[in-house]
Protein backbone atom coordinates (compact mmCIF):
# COMPACT_ATOMS: atom_id res chain seq x y z
CA MET A 1 148.61 100.91 160.85
CA SER A 2 145.21 99.43 161.78
CA ILE A 3 141.99 98.34 160.10
CA PRO A 4 139.63 101.36 159.97
CA GLY A 5 136.79 101.04 162.46
CA LEU A 6 137.88 97.69 163.88
CA ASP A 7 138.25 98.74 167.53
CA ALA A 8 135.00 100.72 167.38
CA TRP A 9 133.11 97.78 165.93
CA LEU A 10 134.52 95.31 168.46
CA SER A 11 133.11 97.54 171.23
CA THR A 12 129.55 97.14 169.84
CA ALA A 13 127.21 94.35 170.81
CA ALA A 14 127.62 92.75 167.40
CA GLY A 15 131.38 92.89 167.56
CA ARG A 16 131.51 91.33 171.06
CA TYR A 17 129.04 88.68 169.92
CA VAL A 18 131.20 87.66 166.97
CA LEU A 19 134.49 87.79 168.88
CA ASP A 20 133.03 85.73 171.77
CA TRP A 21 131.77 83.04 169.36
CA GLU A 22 135.16 82.88 167.60
CA GLN A 23 137.01 82.68 170.88
CA ARG A 24 134.88 79.73 172.02
CA GLN A 25 135.53 77.89 168.73
CA LEU A 26 139.29 78.36 168.98
CA ASP A 27 139.36 77.41 172.66
CA ALA A 28 137.86 74.08 171.62
CA ALA A 29 140.00 73.64 168.47
CA VAL A 30 143.59 74.29 169.49
CA PRO A 31 144.18 72.25 172.72
CA ASP A 32 144.92 69.06 170.69
CA VAL A 33 147.58 70.70 168.47
CA PHE A 34 151.12 70.03 169.73
CA GLY A 35 154.57 71.15 168.72
CA PHE A 36 157.03 73.91 169.53
CA HIS A 37 155.87 77.05 167.69
CA ALA A 38 152.35 78.50 167.29
CA LEU A 39 151.49 81.79 165.58
CA GLN A 40 148.39 83.99 165.62
CA LEU A 41 148.51 86.30 162.65
CA GLY A 42 146.30 89.38 162.95
CA LEU A 43 143.37 90.48 165.13
CA PRO A 44 145.39 90.83 168.39
CA GLN A 45 142.17 91.82 170.22
CA GLY A 46 141.46 88.07 170.45
CA ASP A 47 143.66 85.59 172.28
CA PHE A 48 143.05 82.61 170.06
CA LEU A 49 145.98 80.54 171.26
CA ARG A 50 145.27 80.82 174.97
CA SER A 51 144.07 77.21 175.36
CA ASN A 52 146.96 75.72 173.38
CA ARG A 53 149.94 74.14 175.19
CA ILE A 54 152.65 74.79 172.60
CA PRO A 55 155.50 76.45 174.56
CA LEU A 56 156.27 79.32 172.15
CA ARG A 57 153.06 81.17 171.12
CA LEU A 58 153.36 84.51 169.32
CA LYS A 59 151.00 87.16 168.08
CA ALA A 60 152.18 88.86 164.91
CA GLY A 61 150.67 91.27 162.46
CA GLU A 62 150.74 94.68 160.88
CA TYR A 63 149.12 96.62 163.74
CA GLY A 64 148.11 96.55 167.39
CA ALA A 65 149.43 94.91 170.53
CA VAL A 66 151.38 92.10 168.92
CA ASP A 67 154.64 90.44 169.86
CA LEU A 68 156.05 91.08 166.39
CA LEU A 69 155.11 93.74 163.84
CA CYS A 70 155.52 92.32 160.34
CA ASN A 71 154.19 92.13 156.82
CA CYS A 72 151.74 89.24 156.68
CA ALA A 73 152.64 88.62 153.04
CA ALA A 74 156.37 88.29 153.86
CA LEU A 75 156.60 86.52 157.24
CA PRO A 76 159.95 86.80 159.05
CA PHE A 77 159.98 83.16 160.03
CA ALA A 78 162.10 80.28 158.76
CA SER A 79 160.59 77.71 156.37
CA LEU A 80 159.22 74.58 158.04
CA SER A 81 159.47 76.15 161.49
CA THR A 82 155.85 76.47 162.76
CA ASP A 83 153.36 73.88 163.92
CA LEU A 84 150.18 75.92 164.03
CA VAL A 85 149.02 79.16 162.44
CA VAL A 86 145.73 80.94 163.20
CA LEU A 87 144.45 83.48 160.68
CA PRO A 88 141.52 85.49 162.17
CA HIS A 89 139.96 87.71 159.52
CA VAL A 90 143.27 88.29 157.76
CA LEU A 91 142.63 87.06 154.24
CA GLU A 92 139.42 89.03 153.48
CA PHE A 93 141.01 92.27 154.64
CA SER A 94 144.24 91.95 152.71
CA ASP A 95 145.22 92.90 149.16
CA GLU A 96 147.38 89.74 148.96
CA PRO A 97 145.40 86.84 150.41
CA HIS A 98 147.02 84.28 148.02
CA GLN A 99 150.53 85.40 149.06
CA ILE A 100 149.62 85.22 152.75
CA LEU A 101 148.48 81.63 152.34
CA ARG A 102 151.67 80.81 150.44
CA GLU A 103 153.70 82.19 153.30
CA VAL A 104 151.70 80.22 155.83
CA GLU A 105 152.37 77.05 153.77
CA ARG A 106 156.06 77.90 153.64
CA ILE A 107 156.57 78.25 157.38
CA LEU A 108 154.40 75.31 158.44
CA ILE A 109 156.04 71.94 159.05
CA PRO A 110 154.64 68.88 157.24
CA GLU A 111 151.38 67.96 158.99
CA GLY A 112 151.24 71.46 160.47
CA GLN A 113 147.84 73.07 160.83
CA VAL A 114 146.23 76.34 159.84
CA ILE A 115 142.94 77.60 161.26
CA ILE A 116 141.19 80.34 159.26
CA ILE A 117 138.40 82.54 160.54
CA GLY A 118 136.41 84.50 157.97
CA PHE A 119 133.09 86.21 157.23
CA ASN A 120 130.78 84.13 155.08
CA PRO A 121 129.60 85.97 151.93
CA LEU A 122 126.62 83.61 151.62
CA SER A 123 124.94 84.91 154.76
CA LEU A 124 122.99 87.90 156.04
CA TRP A 125 126.38 89.42 156.96
CA GLY A 126 127.57 88.93 153.39
CA LEU A 127 124.38 90.45 152.05
CA LYS A 128 124.80 93.56 154.20
CA ARG A 129 128.41 93.92 153.05
CA LYS A 130 127.25 93.80 149.42
CA PHE A 131 124.98 96.78 149.85
CA ASP A 132 126.96 98.69 152.51
CA CYS A 133 129.21 101.45 151.12
CA SER A 134 131.10 101.93 154.37
CA ASP A 135 134.87 101.77 154.29
CA GLU A 136 135.07 100.56 157.90
CA PHE A 137 135.29 97.08 159.45
CA PRO A 138 133.65 94.63 158.84
CA TRP A 139 131.94 95.92 155.69
CA ASN A 140 135.11 96.93 153.83
CA GLY A 141 136.46 93.44 153.29
CA SER A 142 136.36 91.04 150.32
CA TYR A 143 134.67 88.06 151.88
CA LEU A 144 135.83 84.65 150.66
CA SER A 145 133.36 81.83 150.18
CA LEU A 146 134.25 78.56 151.79
CA ASN A 147 134.41 76.79 148.40
CA ARG A 148 136.93 79.33 147.03
CA LEU A 149 139.03 79.06 150.18
CA LYS A 150 139.02 75.27 149.94
CA ASP A 151 140.21 75.50 146.29
CA TRP A 152 143.08 77.77 147.31
CA LEU A 153 144.08 75.45 150.11
CA LYS A 154 143.96 72.42 147.83
CA LEU A 155 146.34 74.10 145.37
CA LEU A 156 148.79 74.55 148.24
CA SER A 157 148.49 70.86 149.19
CA PHE A 158 146.39 71.48 152.29
CA GLU A 159 143.73 68.97 153.30
CA VAL A 160 140.65 70.44 154.93
CA ASP A 161 140.11 68.68 158.24
CA ARG A 162 136.96 70.29 159.64
CA GLY A 163 134.88 73.45 159.70
CA GLN A 164 132.19 75.22 161.66
CA PHE A 165 129.64 77.95 160.87
CA GLY A 166 128.20 80.29 163.45
CA CYS A 167 126.82 83.75 164.17
CA TYR A 168 123.39 83.36 162.54
CA ILE A 169 122.01 86.51 164.17
CA PRO A 170 121.51 89.30 161.60
CA PRO A 171 124.19 92.06 161.70
CA VAL A 172 122.41 94.29 164.22
CA GLU A 173 124.31 96.75 166.34
CA GLN A 174 122.24 97.17 169.51
CA LEU A 175 122.47 94.77 172.39
CA LYS A 176 118.66 94.40 172.80
CA TRP A 177 118.41 93.09 169.22
CA VAL A 178 121.35 90.73 169.65
CA GLN A 179 119.60 89.31 172.68
CA ARG A 180 116.23 89.02 170.96
CA TRP A 181 117.77 87.10 168.07
CA GLN A 182 119.59 84.55 170.23
CA PHE A 183 116.95 81.91 169.52
CA ILE A 184 118.10 81.68 165.90
CA GLU A 185 121.52 80.29 166.86
CA THR A 186 120.22 76.79 167.60
CA ALA A 187 117.85 76.78 164.62
CA GLY A 188 120.61 77.97 162.28
CA ASN A 189 123.02 75.27 163.43
CA ARG A 190 120.40 72.64 162.82
CA TRP A 191 118.59 73.75 159.67
CA TRP A 192 120.78 76.16 157.66
CA HIS A 193 124.22 75.80 159.10
CA PHE A 194 125.93 76.88 155.85
CA SER A 195 124.47 80.39 156.17
CA GLY A 196 126.25 81.39 159.38
CA GLY A 197 127.82 84.85 159.31
CA VAL A 198 131.26 83.50 160.29
CA TYR A 199 133.16 80.29 159.59
CA VAL A 200 136.16 78.55 161.17
CA LEU A 201 138.08 76.23 158.85
CA ARG A 202 140.91 73.96 159.84
CA ALA A 203 143.37 72.45 157.33
CA ILE A 204 146.50 70.26 157.50
CA LYS A 205 149.59 70.66 155.35
CA ARG A 206 150.23 67.46 153.47
CA VAL A 207 153.53 66.62 151.82
CA HIS A 208 153.08 64.06 149.03
CA GLY A 209 155.49 61.19 149.08
CA MET A 210 156.43 61.75 152.69
CA HIS A 211 156.03 58.88 155.14
CA LEU A 212 156.91 58.75 158.79
CA ILE A 213 159.90 56.69 159.88
CA THR A 214 159.04 54.70 162.95
CA PRO A 215 161.51 52.88 165.24
CA ASN A 216 162.07 49.19 164.60
CA TRP A 217 161.30 47.68 168.01
CA ARG A 218 162.19 44.12 167.06
CA ASN A 219 165.36 42.87 168.60
CA LYS A 220 168.04 42.10 166.07
CA SER A 221 171.19 40.25 166.86
CA VAL A 222 174.21 42.28 166.09
CA ARG A 223 176.88 40.30 164.31
CA ALA A 224 180.16 40.75 166.04
CA LYS A 225 182.97 41.80 163.83
CA ALA A 226 185.72 39.17 163.57
CA LEU A 227 189.01 40.31 165.03
CA ARG A 228 191.69 40.34 162.42
CA PRO A 229 195.23 39.47 163.54
CA ILE A 230 197.65 42.24 162.87
CA ALA A 231 200.36 41.02 160.53
CA GLN A 232 203.79 41.54 161.97
CA LYS A 233 206.36 42.91 159.67
CA GLU A 234 209.57 40.92 159.35
CA GLY A 235 212.60 42.82 160.23
CA HIS A 236 214.86 43.87 157.38
CA GLY A 237 218.64 43.74 157.28
CA ARG A 238 219.00 40.61 159.37
């Protein structure tokens, strides 16, 4: 199973442009996340955990060159077992985005992090998707606005930590047009950053009522237990 047209689109100038931007964002976002288990769910064509130092890093998903083939809506991982989950373009191309997020919340430890990559419907890319009847990637997805995604995360007790928009170039296919539109990247970041074609959103799983237990470094005198004399039994039958 694979997303129709994904590999073909990633080989175009527009596909490489988007994937390169996303890779740079994740290379900068994941080095400061620590723990024991990290998971990239979907889009195995990108190596979004490569700059992370967590010892066990897995790619999982429903297609492609992954370490584990699985249903994204029913993850085969134990609850509270994962420190970091990256979701590159998984939610907008799934029939069960809510369930996938619930599964991510289930497997993340308290204070674990999820990083979501998605296409922005309030952009030129979103406008093209609205009028494009193609059933191939990336125009066959149900793009999620950042506000809707934030609402879903809030219901699952996630706290949004930071986000970034990018890919302001119109969705052109030819390399010469991608190169000619490069000037708009700086202008978009400065003047209309919310209209980038792609966003990266990072959120932290919060557990209400939980507080960290820290060691008590103050020296405390330990009261020695008094030794009790053992009562000797008097002999019987004397």
